Amino acid sequence: MAKYTASPHYSVAGKIEFGFTGVYETEDTGEIATLDALVPIWIKRIDAIEPEADEKSAPRQRKTSGK
């Protein structure tokens, strides 16, 4: 299942329409391919885990000054 967000009532190809909340969920592989082609310009996929978020949450090691 893929979950996307966009402007409310946004329509793609006349058959995919985002609801009044701007969220759309689908399991259809054809629709997923169509919507993935529009990410990140027009819509955003919100079910995908971004690896950058995991890296930023880890604390950095401090370097010693060596004095």
N, C-alpha and C. Protein backbone atom coordinates (compact mmCIF):
# COMPACT_ATOMS: atom_id res chain seq x y z
N MET A 1 0.84 -1.17 0.00
CA MET A 1 0.00 0.00 0.00
C MET A 1 0.88 1.24 0.00
N ALA A 2 0.50 2.20 -0.78
CA ALA A 2 1.23 3.46 -0.87
C ALA A 2 0.28 4.59 -0.45
N LYS A 3 0.84 5.56 0.27
CA LYS A 3 0.04 6.68 0.76
C LYS A 3 0.70 7.97 0.32
N TYR A 4 -0.10 8.86 -0.25
CA TYR A 4 0.39 10.11 -0.81
C TYR A 4 -0.38 11.29 -0.24
N THR A 5 0.23 12.47 -0.29
CA THR A 5 -0.45 13.70 0.10
C THR A 5 -0.21 14.76 -0.98
N ALA A 6 -1.23 15.59 -1.18
CA ALA A 6 -1.17 16.68 -2.16
C ALA A 6 -2.20 17.72 -1.76
N SER A 7 -2.40 18.69 -2.61
CA SER A 7 -3.43 19.70 -2.36
C SER A 7 -4.80 19.00 -2.36
N PRO A 8 -5.72 19.45 -1.51
CA PRO A 8 -7.06 18.85 -1.50
C PRO A 8 -7.72 18.88 -2.87
N HIS A 9 -8.39 17.80 -3.22
CA HIS A 9 -9.12 17.63 -4.48
C HIS A 9 -8.20 17.66 -5.70
N TYR A 10 -6.90 17.41 -5.53
CA TYR A 10 -5.97 17.33 -6.65
C TYR A 10 -6.30 16.09 -7.46
N SER A 11 -6.31 16.20 -8.77
CA SER A 11 -6.68 15.09 -9.65
C SER A 11 -5.53 14.78 -10.60
N VAL A 12 -5.28 13.48 -10.81
CA VAL A 12 -4.22 13.03 -11.71
C VAL A 12 -4.85 12.13 -12.76
N ALA A 13 -4.63 12.46 -14.00
CA ALA A 13 -5.08 11.66 -15.15
C ALA A 13 -6.59 11.43 -15.14
N GLY A 14 -7.35 12.25 -14.45
CA GLY A 14 -8.80 12.14 -14.43
C GLY A 14 -9.37 10.97 -13.66
N LYS A 15 -8.52 10.06 -13.16
CA LYS A 15 -9.04 8.90 -12.44
C LYS A 15 -8.55 8.81 -11.00
N ILE A 16 -7.47 9.51 -10.67
CA ILE A 16 -6.94 9.52 -9.31
C ILE A 16 -7.26 10.88 -8.71
N GLU A 17 -8.07 10.90 -7.66
CA GLU A 17 -8.42 12.18 -7.04
C GLU A 17 -8.16 12.12 -5.54
N PHE A 18 -7.43 13.11 -5.06
CA PHE A 18 -7.16 13.23 -3.64
C PHE A 18 -8.40 13.78 -2.96
N GLY A 19 -8.69 13.32 -1.75
CA GLY A 19 -9.87 13.76 -1.03
C GLY A 19 -9.74 15.17 -0.48
N PHE A 20 -10.72 15.57 0.33
CA PHE A 20 -10.70 16.92 0.89
C PHE A 20 -9.56 17.11 1.89
N THR A 21 -8.99 16.00 2.39
CA THR A 21 -7.84 16.10 3.29
C THR A 21 -6.53 16.14 2.53
N GLY A 22 -6.56 15.81 1.24
CA GLY A 22 -5.35 15.82 0.42
C GLY A 22 -4.56 14.53 0.53
N VAL A 23 -5.19 13.45 1.00
CA VAL A 23 -4.51 12.16 1.17
C VAL A 23 -5.13 11.15 0.22
N TYR A 24 -4.28 10.29 -0.37
CA TYR A 24 -4.74 9.24 -1.28
C TYR A 24 -3.95 7.97 -0.98
N GLU A 25 -4.65 6.84 -0.85
CA GLU A 25 -4.02 5.55 -0.62
C GLU A 25 -4.40 4.59 -1.73
N THR A 26 -3.46 3.77 -2.15
CA THR A 26 -3.72 2.81 -3.23
C THR A 26 -2.82 1.59 -3.10
N GLU A 27 -3.31 0.47 -3.66
CA GLU A 27 -2.52 -0.76 -3.76
C GLU A 27 -2.26 -1.12 -5.22
N ASP A 28 -2.86 -0.37 -6.14
CA ASP A 28 -2.73 -0.61 -7.57
C ASP A 28 -1.33 -0.21 -8.04
N THR A 29 -0.61 -1.15 -8.62
CA THR A 29 0.77 -0.88 -9.05
C THR A 29 0.83 0.16 -10.17
N GLY A 30 -0.17 0.20 -11.02
CA GLY A 30 -0.20 1.20 -12.09
C GLY A 30 -0.36 2.60 -11.54
N GLU A 31 -1.23 2.76 -10.54
CA GLU A 31 -1.43 4.07 -9.91
C GLU A 31 -0.18 4.48 -9.13
N ILE A 32 0.45 3.52 -8.47
CA ILE A 32 1.67 3.82 -7.72
C ILE A 32 2.76 4.32 -8.65
N ALA A 33 2.92 3.68 -9.81
CA ALA A 33 3.92 4.12 -10.79
C ALA A 33 3.61 5.53 -11.29
N THR A 34 2.34 5.81 -11.56
CA THR A 34 1.94 7.14 -12.03
C THR A 34 2.22 8.20 -10.98
N LEU A 35 1.86 7.92 -9.73
CA LEU A 35 2.04 8.90 -8.66
C LEU A 35 3.52 9.07 -8.30
N ASP A 36 4.30 7.97 -8.33
CA ASP A 36 5.73 8.08 -8.03
C ASP A 36 6.45 8.95 -9.04
N ALA A 37 5.93 9.00 -10.27
CA ALA A 37 6.55 9.85 -11.29
C ALA A 37 6.35 11.33 -10.98
N LEU A 38 5.35 11.66 -10.17
CA LEU A 38 5.06 13.06 -9.82
C LEU A 38 5.72 13.50 -8.51
N VAL A 39 6.32 12.57 -7.80
CA VAL A 39 7.00 12.90 -6.54
C VAL A 39 8.37 13.46 -6.87
N PRO A 40 8.89 14.47 -6.27
CA PRO A 40 8.38 15.33 -5.21
C PRO A 40 7.82 16.64 -5.73
N ILE A 41 7.68 16.81 -7.04
CA ILE A 41 7.28 18.11 -7.59
C ILE A 41 5.83 18.46 -7.22
N TRP A 42 4.90 17.56 -7.49
CA TRP A 42 3.48 17.87 -7.30
C TRP A 42 2.88 17.23 -6.06
N ILE A 43 3.36 16.04 -5.71
CA ILE A 43 2.82 15.34 -4.55
C ILE A 43 3.95 14.79 -3.70
N LYS A 44 3.60 14.27 -2.53
CA LYS A 44 4.61 13.71 -1.62
C LYS A 44 4.14 12.34 -1.16
N ARG A 45 5.05 11.36 -1.20
CA ARG A 45 4.73 10.03 -0.70
C ARG A 45 5.05 10.02 0.79
N ILE A 46 4.05 9.70 1.61
CA ILE A 46 4.22 9.81 3.06
C ILE A 46 4.40 8.47 3.75
N ASP A 47 4.28 7.35 3.03
CA ASP A 47 4.48 6.06 3.68
C ASP A 47 5.92 5.58 3.58
N ALA A 48 6.70 6.18 2.70
CA ALA A 48 8.10 5.78 2.52
C ALA A 48 8.95 6.32 3.68
N ILE A 49 9.82 5.48 4.20
CA ILE A 49 10.72 5.90 5.27
C ILE A 49 11.95 6.53 4.65
N GLU A 50 12.24 7.75 5.05
CA GLU A 50 13.39 8.46 4.51
C GLU A 50 14.63 8.11 5.32
N PRO A 51 15.71 7.62 4.67
CA PRO A 51 16.91 7.25 5.40
C PRO A 51 17.61 8.45 6.04
N GLU A 52 17.42 9.65 5.49
CA GLU A 52 18.05 10.84 6.06
C GLU A 52 17.52 11.14 7.45
N ALA A 53 16.27 10.87 7.69
CA ALA A 53 15.67 11.14 8.99
C ALA A 53 16.33 10.27 10.07
N ASP A 54 16.68 9.02 9.72
CA ASP A 54 17.32 8.14 10.68
C ASP A 54 18.74 8.62 11.02
N GLU A 55 19.45 9.13 10.02
CA GLU A 55 20.81 9.61 10.24
C GLU A 55 20.83 10.87 11.10
N LYS A 56 19.86 11.75 10.91
CA LYS A 56 19.82 12.99 11.66
C LYS A 56 19.45 12.76 13.13
N SER A 57 18.72 11.69 13.42
CA SER A 57 18.30 11.45 14.79
C SER A 57 19.44 10.90 15.65
N ALA A 58 20.46 10.33 15.03
CA ALA A 58 21.59 9.79 15.79
C ALA A 58 22.50 10.94 16.24
N PRO A 59 22.93 10.92 17.50
CA PRO A 59 23.82 11.99 17.97
C PRO A 59 25.20 11.89 17.35
N ARG A 60 25.81 13.01 17.09
CA ARG A 60 27.14 13.04 16.51
C ARG A 60 28.19 12.91 17.62
N GLN A 61 29.32 12.33 17.24
CA GLN A 61 30.42 12.27 18.20
C GLN A 61 31.19 13.57 18.15
N ARG A 62 31.57 14.04 19.30
CA ARG A 62 32.34 15.29 19.38
C ARG A 62 33.82 14.98 19.19
N LYS A 63 34.48 15.85 18.47
CA LYS A 63 35.92 15.70 18.27
C LYS A 63 36.64 16.43 19.40
N THR A 64 37.71 15.82 19.89
CA THR A 64 38.48 16.48 20.94
C THR A 64 39.47 17.45 20.31
N SER A 65 39.82 18.46 21.04
CA SER A 65 40.74 19.47 20.51
C SER A 65 42.18 18.97 20.51
N GLY A 66 42.49 17.95 21.29
CA GLY A 66 43.85 17.40 21.32
C GLY A 66 44.82 18.20 22.14
N LYS A 67 44.34 19.07 22.98
CA LYS A 67 45.24 19.89 23.79
C LYS A 67 45.56 19.22 25.09
